């Protein structure tokens, strides 16, 4: 019986190791083991190749999906830009029409004011011509001094329309004899 540490005896016995296989059996076992390893390696390589192909396929699908999304986003962006451009052009055309309308109204108002100013100027010229002193009004008064020494002053505008009732041949000798002193200033 085998002995355990501390001097105790073991209650049962271990079986003896199996007998060593002969040398040929060892070669066959090693060959089988080598073939199994080769088969496992081949299967691992095929599995890795399949996984790689599947990963490549998934990556290509992801790339295609991303490109499709990018295309859709680019199309949406282009559409939004086109819409914004159309809106801006429409707004600019509307604003230009408003400015043109306002400009036209301002021109019409200016033309009306110009015509009114011309009419007013013409009226002012006519009124000035009506109130303009004539050459006769610029002449000074006619002054008389009679024989007694009284002085008379008559405005030219008033006495220019007087008519002499007595013939000129009667008045002229009287004026010439200096009965009246007449001077025009």
N, C-alpha and C. Protein backbone atom coordinates (compact mmCIF):
# COMPACT_ATOMS: atom_id res chain seq x y z
N UNK A 1 0.80 -1.17 0.00
CA UNK A 1 0.00 0.00 0.00
C UNK A 1 0.85 1.24 0.00
N UNK A 2 0.39 2.12 -0.75
CA UNK A 2 1.21 3.34 -0.76
C UNK A 2 1.06 4.10 0.53
N UNK A 3 1.99 4.92 0.75
CA UNK A 3 2.00 5.66 2.00
C UNK A 3 1.76 7.12 1.69
N UNK A 4 0.96 7.69 2.49
CA UNK A 4 0.64 9.11 2.33
C UNK A 4 1.58 9.92 3.19
N UNK A 5 1.57 11.19 2.93
CA UNK A 5 2.41 12.02 3.79
C UNK A 5 1.96 11.88 5.23
N UNK A 6 2.69 12.18 6.10
CA UNK A 6 2.51 12.08 7.55
C UNK A 6 2.36 10.63 8.01
N UNK A 7 2.75 9.73 7.18
CA UNK A 7 2.81 8.34 7.57
C UNK A 7 1.50 7.60 7.58
N UNK A 8 0.48 8.09 7.02
CA UNK A 8 -0.80 7.38 6.96
C UNK A 8 -0.83 6.50 5.74
N UNK A 9 -1.48 5.47 5.82
CA UNK A 9 -1.59 4.55 4.71
C UNK A 9 -2.83 4.91 3.91
N UNK A 10 -2.75 4.72 2.58
CA UNK A 10 -3.87 5.04 1.71
C UNK A 10 -4.83 3.87 1.73
N UNK A 11 -6.10 4.12 1.79
CA UNK A 11 -7.05 3.03 1.91
C UNK A 11 -7.28 2.31 0.60
N UNK A 12 -6.99 2.85 -0.57
CA UNK A 12 -7.23 2.15 -1.83
C UNK A 12 -6.01 2.30 -2.71
N UNK A 13 -5.93 1.62 -3.77
CA UNK A 13 -4.76 1.61 -4.63
C UNK A 13 -5.14 2.24 -5.97
N UNK A 14 -4.21 2.96 -6.55
CA UNK A 14 -4.42 3.58 -7.87
C UNK A 14 -4.20 2.55 -8.94
N UNK A 15 -4.96 2.70 -10.06
CA UNK A 15 -4.72 1.77 -11.14
C UNK A 15 -3.40 2.10 -11.81
N UNK A 16 -2.84 1.24 -12.41
CA UNK A 16 -1.56 1.46 -13.05
C UNK A 16 -1.78 2.12 -14.39
N UNK A 17 -0.83 2.91 -14.86
CA UNK A 17 -0.99 3.61 -16.13
C UNK A 17 -1.11 2.61 -17.26
N UNK A 18 -1.79 3.04 -18.35
CA UNK A 18 -1.98 2.12 -19.47
C UNK A 18 -0.64 1.81 -20.10
N UNK A 19 -0.64 0.79 -20.80
CA UNK A 19 0.60 0.36 -21.43
C UNK A 19 0.90 1.25 -22.61
N UNK A 20 2.10 1.54 -22.87
CA UNK A 20 2.52 2.42 -23.96
C UNK A 20 2.23 1.73 -25.28
N UNK A 21 1.67 2.48 -26.24
CA UNK A 21 1.38 1.86 -27.54
C UNK A 21 2.68 1.59 -28.28
N UNK A 22 2.60 0.75 -29.16
CA UNK A 22 3.80 0.44 -29.89
C UNK A 22 4.20 1.64 -30.77
N UNK A 23 5.34 1.65 -31.32
CA UNK A 23 5.90 2.75 -32.09
C UNK A 23 5.07 3.04 -33.33
N UNK A 24 4.53 2.04 -33.97
CA UNK A 24 3.73 2.27 -35.16
C UNK A 24 2.44 2.97 -34.81
N UNK A 25 1.89 2.59 -33.71
CA UNK A 25 0.66 3.26 -33.28
C UNK A 25 0.93 4.74 -33.01
N UNK A 26 2.07 5.05 -32.52
CA UNK A 26 2.42 6.44 -32.25
C UNK A 26 2.50 7.22 -33.56
N UNK A 27 3.07 6.65 -34.60
CA UNK A 27 3.19 7.33 -35.89
C UNK A 27 1.80 7.57 -36.48
N UNK A 28 0.94 6.61 -36.37
CA UNK A 28 -0.41 6.74 -36.92
C UNK A 28 -1.16 7.81 -36.14
N UNK A 29 -0.97 7.76 -34.82
CA UNK A 29 -1.64 8.78 -34.00
C UNK A 29 -1.15 10.18 -34.37
N UNK A 30 0.16 10.31 -34.54
CA UNK A 30 0.68 11.63 -34.91
C UNK A 30 0.18 12.05 -36.29
N UNK A 31 0.09 11.14 -37.23
CA UNK A 31 -0.41 11.43 -38.56
C UNK A 31 -1.88 11.85 -38.50
N UNK A 32 -2.65 11.11 -37.70
CA UNK A 32 -4.06 11.47 -37.56
C UNK A 32 -4.20 12.85 -36.91
N UNK A 33 -3.37 13.06 -35.89
CA UNK A 33 -3.39 14.37 -35.22
C UNK A 33 -3.01 15.48 -36.19
N UNK A 34 -1.99 15.25 -37.04
CA UNK A 34 -1.57 16.23 -38.02
C UNK A 34 -2.69 16.49 -39.03
N UNK A 35 -3.35 15.43 -39.49
CA UNK A 35 -4.44 15.57 -40.45
C UNK A 35 -5.62 16.33 -39.83
N UNK A 36 -5.89 16.03 -38.57
CA UNK A 36 -6.96 16.76 -37.87
C UNK A 36 -6.62 18.25 -37.77
N UNK A 37 -5.36 18.53 -37.45
CA UNK A 37 -4.94 19.93 -37.37
C UNK A 37 -5.07 20.61 -38.73
N UNK A 38 -4.68 19.91 -39.79
CA UNK A 38 -4.79 20.47 -41.14
C UNK A 38 -6.26 20.72 -41.51
N UNK A 39 -7.11 19.76 -41.15
CA UNK A 39 -8.54 19.90 -41.44
C UNK A 39 -9.12 21.08 -40.68
N UNK A 40 -8.74 21.19 -39.39
CA UNK A 40 -9.21 22.33 -38.58
C UNK A 40 -8.72 23.65 -39.16
N UNK A 41 -7.47 23.69 -39.61
CA UNK A 41 -6.91 24.90 -40.21
C UNK A 41 -7.65 25.26 -41.50
N UNK A 42 -7.91 24.22 -42.34
CA UNK A 42 -8.64 24.47 -43.59
C UNK A 42 -10.04 24.99 -43.30
N UNK A 43 -10.73 24.38 -42.34
CA UNK A 43 -12.08 24.83 -41.98
C UNK A 43 -12.05 26.26 -41.41
N UNK A 44 -11.02 26.54 -40.62
CA UNK A 44 -10.89 27.88 -40.06
C UNK A 44 -10.65 28.90 -41.16
N UNK A 45 -9.80 28.51 -42.17
CA UNK A 45 -9.54 29.41 -43.28
C UNK A 45 -10.81 29.66 -44.10
N UNK A 46 -11.57 28.59 -44.36
CA UNK A 46 -12.82 28.75 -45.11
C UNK A 46 -13.81 29.61 -44.34
N UNK A 47 -13.89 29.35 -43.05
CA UNK A 47 -14.80 30.15 -42.21
C UNK A 47 -14.37 31.62 -42.20
N UNK A 48 -13.06 31.86 -42.10
CA UNK A 48 -12.56 33.22 -42.11
C UNK A 48 -12.84 33.88 -43.47
N UNK A 49 -12.66 33.10 -44.57
CA UNK A 49 -12.92 33.63 -45.91
C UNK A 49 -14.42 33.97 -46.05
N UNK A 50 -15.28 33.08 -45.56
CA UNK A 50 -16.73 33.34 -45.62
C UNK A 50 -17.09 34.58 -44.79
N UNK A 51 -16.50 34.68 -43.60
CA UNK A 51 -16.77 35.85 -42.76
C UNK A 51 -16.28 37.13 -43.43
N UNK A 52 -15.09 37.01 -44.07
CA UNK A 52 -14.55 38.19 -44.75
C UNK A 52 -15.44 38.58 -45.92
N UNK A 53 -15.92 37.60 -46.69
CA UNK A 53 -16.81 37.89 -47.82
C UNK A 53 -18.11 38.51 -47.31
N UNK A 54 -18.61 37.96 -46.22
CA UNK A 54 -19.84 38.51 -45.63
C UNK A 54 -19.62 39.94 -45.13
N UNK A 55 -18.46 40.16 -44.49
CA UNK A 55 -18.13 41.52 -44.00
C UNK A 55 -17.97 42.48 -45.18
N UNK A 56 -17.30 42.01 -46.26
CA UNK A 56 -17.15 42.85 -47.46
C UNK A 56 -18.51 43.17 -48.07
N UNK A 57 -19.38 42.15 -48.12
CA UNK A 57 -20.72 42.35 -48.66
C UNK A 57 -21.50 43.36 -47.82
N UNK A 58 -21.42 43.24 -46.49
CA UNK A 58 -22.09 44.18 -45.59
C UNK A 58 -21.50 45.59 -45.73
N UNK A 59 -20.18 45.67 -45.87
CA UNK A 59 -19.53 46.98 -46.05
C UNK A 59 -19.96 47.61 -47.37
N UNK A 60 -20.05 46.81 -48.44
CA UNK A 60 -20.50 47.33 -49.74
C UNK A 60 -21.95 47.82 -49.65
N UNK A 61 -22.79 47.02 -48.96
CA UNK A 61 -24.19 47.44 -48.78
C UNK A 61 -24.26 48.73 -47.96
N UNK A 62 -23.43 48.82 -46.93
CA UNK A 62 -23.41 50.03 -46.10
C UNK A 62 -22.94 51.22 -46.93
N UNK A 63 -21.88 51.00 -47.76
CA UNK A 63 -21.40 52.07 -48.62
C UNK A 63 -22.49 52.50 -49.61
N UNK A 64 -23.15 51.53 -50.20
CA UNK A 64 -24.22 51.84 -51.16
C UNK A 64 -25.35 52.61 -50.46
N UNK A 65 -25.70 52.16 -49.26
CA UNK A 65 -26.76 52.85 -48.50
C UNK A 65 -26.33 54.27 -48.16
N UNK A 66 -25.06 54.42 -47.75
CA UNK A 66 -24.55 55.75 -47.41
C UNK A 66 -24.53 56.65 -48.65
N UNK A 67 -24.08 56.07 -49.79
CA UNK A 67 -24.08 56.85 -51.03
C UNK A 67 -25.50 57.24 -51.42
N UNK A 68 -26.45 56.32 -51.26
CA UNK A 68 -27.85 56.63 -51.57
C UNK A 68 -28.36 57.74 -50.65
N UNK A 69 -28.03 57.63 -49.37
CA UNK A 69 -28.43 58.68 -48.42
C UNK A 69 -27.78 60.01 -48.80
N UNK A 70 -26.48 59.97 -49.15
CA UNK A 70 -25.78 61.19 -49.56
C UNK A 70 -26.42 61.79 -50.81
N UNK A 71 -26.77 60.90 -51.79
CA UNK A 71 -27.43 61.38 -52.99
C UNK A 71 -28.77 62.02 -52.66
N UNK A 72 -29.53 61.33 -51.78
CA UNK A 72 -30.84 61.88 -51.38
C UNK A 72 -30.66 63.21 -50.66
N UNK A 73 -29.67 63.27 -49.77
CA UNK A 73 -29.41 64.52 -49.05
C UNK A 73 -28.97 65.62 -50.02
N UNK A 74 -28.11 65.27 -50.99
CA UNK A 74 -27.67 66.25 -51.98
C UNK A 74 -28.84 66.72 -52.83
N UNK A 75 -29.71 65.76 -53.23
CA UNK A 75 -30.89 66.13 -54.01
C UNK A 75 -31.81 67.02 -53.20
N UNK A 76 -32.00 66.67 -51.92
CA UNK A 76 -32.86 67.49 -51.05
C UNK A 76 -32.25 68.88 -50.88
N UNK A 77 -30.93 68.92 -50.70
CA UNK A 77 -30.25 70.20 -50.56
C UNK A 77 -30.35 71.02 -51.85
N UNK A 78 -30.16 70.37 -52.99
CA UNK A 78 -30.28 71.06 -54.28
C UNK A 78 -31.71 71.55 -54.48
N UNK A 79 -32.67 70.71 -54.11
CA UNK A 79 -34.08 71.11 -54.24
C UNK A 79 -34.38 72.29 -53.33
N UNK A 80 -33.88 72.24 -52.10
CA UNK A 80 -34.08 73.35 -51.15
C UNK A 80 -33.42 74.62 -51.68
N UNK A 81 -32.22 74.48 -52.23
CA UNK A 81 -31.52 75.64 -52.78
C UNK A 81 -32.28 76.21 -53.98
N UNK A 82 -32.79 75.33 -54.82
CA UNK A 82 -33.55 75.77 -55.98
C UNK A 82 -34.82 76.49 -55.53
N UNK A 83 -35.50 75.92 -54.54
CA UNK A 83 -36.72 76.55 -54.01
C UNK A 83 -36.41 77.90 -53.39
N UNK A 84 -35.33 77.96 -52.62
CA UNK A 84 -34.93 79.23 -52.01
C UNK A 84 -34.57 80.26 -53.08
N UNK A 85 -33.89 79.81 -54.13
CA UNK A 85 -33.52 80.72 -55.21
C UNK A 85 -34.77 81.24 -55.91
N UNK A 86 -35.72 80.33 -56.17
CA UNK A 86 -36.97 80.75 -56.83
C UNK A 86 -37.73 81.74 -55.96
N UNK A 87 -37.78 81.46 -54.64
CA UNK A 87 -38.46 82.37 -53.72
C UNK A 87 -37.77 83.73 -53.71
N UNK A 88 -36.43 83.71 -53.66
CA UNK A 88 -35.67 84.98 -53.65
C UNK A 88 -35.89 85.74 -54.96
N UNK A 89 -35.90 85.03 -56.09
CA UNK A 89 -36.13 85.69 -57.37
C UNK A 89 -37.53 86.27 -57.43
N UNK A 90 -38.52 85.51 -56.93
CA UNK A 90 -39.89 86.01 -56.93
C UNK A 90 -40.02 87.24 -56.03
N UNK A 91 -39.37 87.16 -54.86
CA UNK A 91 -39.40 88.31 -53.95
C UNK A 91 -38.71 89.51 -54.57
N UNK A 92 -37.58 89.28 -55.24
CA UNK A 92 -36.85 90.38 -55.89
C UNK A 92 -37.69 90.97 -57.02
N UNK A 93 -38.37 90.12 -57.79
CA UNK A 93 -39.22 90.62 -58.87
C UNK A 93 -40.38 91.43 -58.30
N UNK A 94 -40.95 90.93 -57.21
CA UNK A 94 -42.05 91.66 -56.56
C UNK A 94 -41.57 93.02 -56.05
N UNK A 95 -40.41 93.00 -55.38
CA UNK A 95 -39.84 94.24 -54.86
C UNK A 95 -39.52 95.21 -56.00
N UNK A 96 -38.98 94.67 -57.10
CA UNK A 96 -38.66 95.51 -58.25
C UNK A 96 -39.93 96.11 -58.84
N UNK A 97 -41.01 95.31 -58.90
CA UNK A 97 -42.28 95.83 -59.41
C UNK A 97 -42.81 96.94 -58.50
N UNK A 98 -42.68 96.75 -57.19
CA UNK A 98 -43.10 97.78 -56.24
C UNK A 98 -42.27 99.05 -56.42
N UNK A 99 -40.95 98.90 -56.56
CA UNK A 99 -40.09 100.06 -56.76
C UNK A 99 -40.43 100.77 -58.07
N UNK A 100 -40.69 99.96 -59.11
CA UNK A 100 -41.02 100.54 -60.41
C UNK A 100 -42.34 101.29 -60.32
N UNK A 101 -43.31 100.72 -59.63
CA UNK A 101 -44.60 101.37 -59.45
C UNK A 101 -44.42 102.67 -58.66
N UNK A 102 -43.66 102.61 -57.57
CA UNK A 102 -43.42 103.81 -56.77
C UNK A 102 -42.67 104.86 -57.59
N UNK A 103 -41.71 104.42 -58.39
CA UNK A 103 -40.95 105.34 -59.24
C UNK A 103 -41.88 106.01 -60.26
N UNK A 104 -42.76 105.19 -60.86
CA UNK A 104 -43.70 105.72 -61.84
C UNK A 104 -44.64 106.74 -61.19
N UNK A 105 -45.13 106.42 -59.99
CA UNK A 105 -46.00 107.34 -59.27
C UNK A 105 -45.25 108.64 -58.95
N UNK A 106 -43.99 108.51 -58.52
CA UNK A 106 -43.19 109.69 -58.20
C UNK A 106 -42.97 110.54 -59.45
N UNK A 107 -42.72 109.89 -60.59
CA UNK A 107 -42.55 110.63 -61.84
C UNK A 107 -43.84 111.34 -62.23
N UNK A 108 -44.98 110.63 -62.09
CA UNK A 108 -46.27 111.26 -62.41
C UNK A 108 -46.52 112.46 -61.51
N UNK A 109 -46.25 112.29 -60.21
CA UNK A 109 -46.41 113.41 -59.27
C UNK A 109 -45.50 114.57 -59.65
N UNK A 110 -44.26 114.25 -60.00
CA UNK A 110 -43.31 115.30 -60.37
C UNK A 110 -43.78 116.02 -61.63
N UNK A 111 -44.31 115.26 -62.61
CA UNK A 111 -44.80 115.89 -63.85
C UNK A 111 -45.99 116.80 -63.54
N UNK A 112 -46.91 116.30 -62.68
CA UNK A 112 -48.06 117.13 -62.32
C UNK A 112 -47.61 118.41 -61.62
N UNK A 113 -46.67 118.28 -60.69
CA UNK A 113 -46.16 119.45 -59.98
C UNK A 113 -45.47 120.41 -60.94
N UNK A 114 -44.75 119.85 -61.92
CA UNK A 114 -44.07 120.69 -62.92
C UNK A 114 -45.10 121.44 -63.76
N UNK A 115 -46.16 120.73 -64.17
CA UNK A 115 -47.20 121.40 -64.94
C UNK A 115 -47.88 122.48 -64.09
N UNK A 116 -48.18 122.16 -62.83
CA UNK A 116 -48.77 123.15 -61.93
C UNK A 116 -47.85 124.35 -61.75
N UNK A 117 -46.56 124.08 -61.63
CA UNK A 117 -45.60 125.17 -61.47
C UNK A 117 -45.56 126.03 -62.73
N UNK A 118 -45.62 125.40 -63.90
CA UNK A 118 -45.62 126.16 -65.15
C UNK A 118 -46.87 127.03 -65.24
N UNK A 119 -48.02 126.43 -64.87
CA UNK A 119 -49.27 127.20 -64.91
C UNK A 119 -49.20 128.35 -63.91
N UNK A 120 -48.70 128.07 -62.71
CA UNK A 120 -48.57 129.11 -61.69
C UNK A 120 -47.62 130.21 -62.15
N UNK A 121 -46.52 129.81 -62.81
CA UNK A 121 -45.56 130.79 -63.32
C UNK A 121 -46.19 131.66 -64.40
N UNK A 122 -46.98 131.01 -65.26
CA UNK A 122 -47.65 131.76 -66.32
C UNK A 122 -48.66 132.74 -65.73
N UNK A 123 -49.41 132.26 -64.71
CA UNK A 123 -50.36 133.16 -64.03
C UNK A 123 -49.63 134.31 -63.34
N UNK A 124 -48.51 134.00 -62.71
CA UNK A 124 -47.73 135.05 -62.05
C UNK A 124 -47.22 136.07 -63.07
N UNK A 125 -46.79 135.59 -64.24
CA UNK A 125 -46.32 136.50 -65.29
C UNK A 125 -47.46 137.40 -65.77
N UNK A 126 -48.64 136.78 -65.96
CA UNK A 126 -49.79 137.57 -66.41
C UNK A 126 -50.19 138.61 -65.36
N UNK A 127 -50.19 138.17 -64.10
CA UNK A 127 -50.54 139.10 -63.02
C UNK A 127 -49.49 140.21 -62.90
N UNK A 128 -48.23 139.85 -63.04
CA UNK A 128 -47.18 140.86 -62.98
C UNK A 128 -47.31 141.83 -64.14
N UNK A 129 -47.68 141.30 -65.31
CA UNK A 129 -47.85 142.17 -66.47
C UNK A 129 -49.04 143.10 -66.27
N UNK A 130 -50.09 142.58 -65.61
CA UNK A 130 -51.26 143.41 -65.36
C UNK A 130 -50.94 144.50 -64.33
N UNK A 131 -50.11 144.20 -63.37
CA UNK A 131 -49.78 145.16 -62.32
C UNK A 131 -48.53 145.98 -62.62
N UNK A 132 -47.94 145.67 -63.73
CA UNK A 132 -46.70 146.36 -64.08
C UNK A 132 -47.05 147.82 -64.40
N UNK A 133 -46.30 148.71 -63.85
CA UNK A 133 -46.59 150.10 -64.14
C UNK A 133 -46.26 150.42 -65.59
N UNK A 134 -47.16 151.15 -66.22
CA UNK A 134 -46.93 151.50 -67.62
C UNK A 134 -45.95 152.68 -67.67
N UNK A 135 -45.56 153.00 -68.88
CA UNK A 135 -44.63 154.12 -69.04
C UNK A 135 -45.27 155.43 -68.59
N UNK A 136 -46.59 155.51 -68.77
CA UNK A 136 -47.30 156.72 -68.36
C UNK A 136 -47.30 156.86 -66.85
N UNK A 137 -47.39 155.75 -66.13
CA UNK A 137 -47.48 155.84 -64.68
C UNK A 137 -46.14 156.23 -64.06
N UNK A 138 -45.08 156.08 -64.83
CA UNK A 138 -43.77 156.45 -64.31
C UNK A 138 -43.53 157.97 -64.41
N UNK A 139 -44.39 158.63 -65.17
CA UNK A 139 -44.22 160.09 -65.32
C UNK A 139 -44.70 160.78 -64.05
N UNK A 140 -44.09 161.89 -63.76
CA UNK A 140 -44.43 162.64 -62.56
C UNK A 140 -45.72 163.43 -62.72
N UNK A 141 -46.18 164.08 -61.65
CA UNK A 141 -47.45 164.83 -61.73
C UNK A 141 -47.28 166.14 -62.54
N UNK A 142 -48.40 166.63 -63.00
CA UNK A 142 -48.42 167.93 -63.71
C UNK A 142 -48.76 168.98 -62.66
N UNK A 143 -47.95 170.01 -62.60
CA UNK A 143 -48.14 171.05 -61.58
C UNK A 143 -48.52 172.37 -62.26
N UNK A 144 -49.53 173.02 -61.69
CA UNK A 144 -50.00 174.33 -62.20
C UNK A 144 -49.85 175.37 -61.11
N UNK A 145 -49.66 176.56 -61.56
CA UNK A 145 -49.68 177.72 -60.64
C UNK A 145 -50.49 178.80 -61.35
N UNK A 146 -51.59 179.16 -60.72
CA UNK A 146 -52.44 180.14 -61.39
C UNK A 146 -51.97 181.56 -61.12
N UNK A 147 -52.71 182.50 -61.64
CA UNK A 147 -52.32 183.91 -61.54
C UNK A 147 -52.35 184.39 -60.10
N UNK A 148 -53.17 183.82 -59.28
CA UNK A 148 -53.28 184.24 -57.88
C UNK A 148 -52.14 183.62 -57.08
N UNK A 149 -51.51 182.57 -57.55
CA UNK A 149 -50.40 181.97 -56.83
C UNK A 149 -50.72 180.61 -56.23
N UNK A 150 -51.91 180.16 -56.53
CA UNK A 150 -52.26 178.83 -56.03
C UNK A 150 -51.52 177.78 -56.85
N UNK A 151 -51.13 176.76 -56.16
CA UNK A 151 -50.42 175.67 -56.83
C UNK A 151 -51.36 174.48 -56.94
N UNK A 152 -51.37 173.87 -58.12
CA UNK A 152 -52.17 172.67 -58.37
C UNK A 152 -51.23 171.55 -58.82
N UNK A 153 -51.51 170.37 -58.34
CA UNK A 153 -50.72 169.21 -58.73
C UNK A 153 -51.69 168.10 -59.14
N UNK A 154 -51.59 167.65 -60.39
CA UNK A 154 -52.47 166.60 -60.90
C UNK A 154 -51.61 165.40 -61.32
N UNK A 155 -51.99 164.23 -60.89
CA UNK A 155 -51.24 163.05 -61.34
C UNK A 155 -51.40 162.84 -62.84
N UNK A 156 -50.35 162.38 -63.44
CA UNK A 156 -50.34 162.19 -64.88
C UNK A 156 -51.39 161.20 -65.33
N UNK A 157 -51.60 160.10 -64.59
CA UNK A 157 -52.55 159.08 -64.98
C UNK A 157 -53.97 159.64 -65.05
N UNK A 158 -54.28 160.60 -64.16
CA UNK A 158 -55.62 161.17 -64.13
C UNK A 158 -55.80 162.17 -65.26
N UNK A 159 -54.83 163.05 -65.41
CA UNK A 159 -55.04 164.11 -66.37
C UNK A 159 -54.63 163.74 -67.78
N UNK A 160 -54.06 162.61 -68.00
CA UNK A 160 -53.70 162.24 -69.36
C UNK A 160 -54.95 161.93 -70.18
N UNK A 161 -56.03 161.58 -69.49
CA UNK A 161 -57.27 161.28 -70.19
C UNK A 161 -58.18 162.50 -70.30
N UNK A 162 -57.80 163.64 -69.74
CA UNK A 162 -58.64 164.85 -69.85
C UNK A 162 -58.65 165.34 -71.28
N UNK A 163 -59.78 165.80 -71.62
CA UNK A 163 -59.90 166.39 -72.94
C UNK A 163 -60.16 167.88 -72.78
N UNK A 164 -59.54 168.61 -73.59
CA UNK A 164 -59.70 170.06 -73.54
C UNK A 164 -60.93 170.40 -74.38
N UNK A 165 -61.80 171.17 -73.77
CA UNK A 165 -63.05 171.46 -74.47
C UNK A 165 -62.94 172.72 -75.34
N UNK A 166 -62.08 173.50 -74.93
CA UNK A 166 -61.95 174.69 -75.75
C UNK A 166 -60.89 174.44 -76.81
N UNK A 167 -60.99 175.05 -77.93
CA UNK A 167 -60.02 174.78 -78.98
C UNK A 167 -58.61 175.17 -78.55
N UNK A 168 -57.71 174.50 -79.15
CA UNK A 168 -56.30 174.66 -78.79
C UNK A 168 -55.81 176.06 -79.10
N UNK A 169 -56.34 176.69 -80.07
CA UNK A 169 -55.85 178.05 -80.43
C UNK A 169 -56.20 179.06 -79.35
N UNK A 170 -57.18 178.73 -78.48
CA UNK A 170 -57.51 179.64 -77.40
C UNK A 170 -56.57 179.40 -76.23
N UNK A 171 -56.30 178.15 -75.92
CA UNK A 171 -55.47 177.83 -74.75
C UNK A 171 -54.02 178.16 -75.03
N UNK A 172 -53.56 177.89 -76.18
CA UNK A 172 -52.15 178.09 -76.47
C UNK A 172 -51.71 179.54 -76.30
N UNK A 173 -52.45 180.53 -76.78
CA UNK A 173 -51.99 181.90 -76.52
C UNK A 173 -51.98 182.23 -75.05
N UNK A 174 -52.93 181.64 -74.30
CA UNK A 174 -52.96 181.92 -72.87
C UNK A 174 -51.74 181.31 -72.21
N UNK A 175 -51.39 180.15 -72.64
CA UNK A 175 -50.21 179.52 -72.06
C UNK A 175 -48.96 180.28 -72.49
N UNK A 176 -48.96 180.69 -73.71
CA UNK A 176 -47.78 181.39 -74.20
C UNK A 176 -47.65 182.77 -73.55
N UNK A 177 -48.74 183.40 -73.21
CA UNK A 177 -48.65 184.71 -72.56
C UNK A 177 -48.33 184.55 -71.08
N UNK A 178 -48.14 183.38 -70.68
CA UNK A 178 -47.72 183.04 -69.33
C UNK A 178 -48.79 183.38 -68.30
N UNK A 179 -50.03 183.19 -68.69
CA UNK A 179 -51.08 183.34 -67.70
C UNK A 179 -51.01 182.17 -66.71
N UNK A 180 -50.67 181.01 -67.23
CA UNK A 180 -50.51 179.84 -66.38
C UNK A 180 -49.08 179.37 -66.50
N UNK A 181 -48.56 178.94 -65.42
CA UNK A 181 -47.23 178.33 -65.47
C UNK A 181 -47.44 176.83 -65.37
N UNK A 182 -47.03 176.08 -66.33
CA UNK A 182 -47.20 174.62 -66.38
C UNK A 182 -45.81 174.01 -66.48
N UNK A 183 -45.57 173.12 -65.63
CA UNK A 183 -44.31 172.36 -65.76
C UNK A 183 -44.56 170.89 -65.44
N UNK A 184 -43.90 170.07 -66.08
CA UNK A 184 -44.05 168.61 -65.92
C UNK A 184 -42.75 168.08 -65.34
N UNK A 185 -42.92 167.38 -64.27
CA UNK A 185 -41.73 166.82 -63.64
C UNK A 185 -41.74 165.33 -63.69
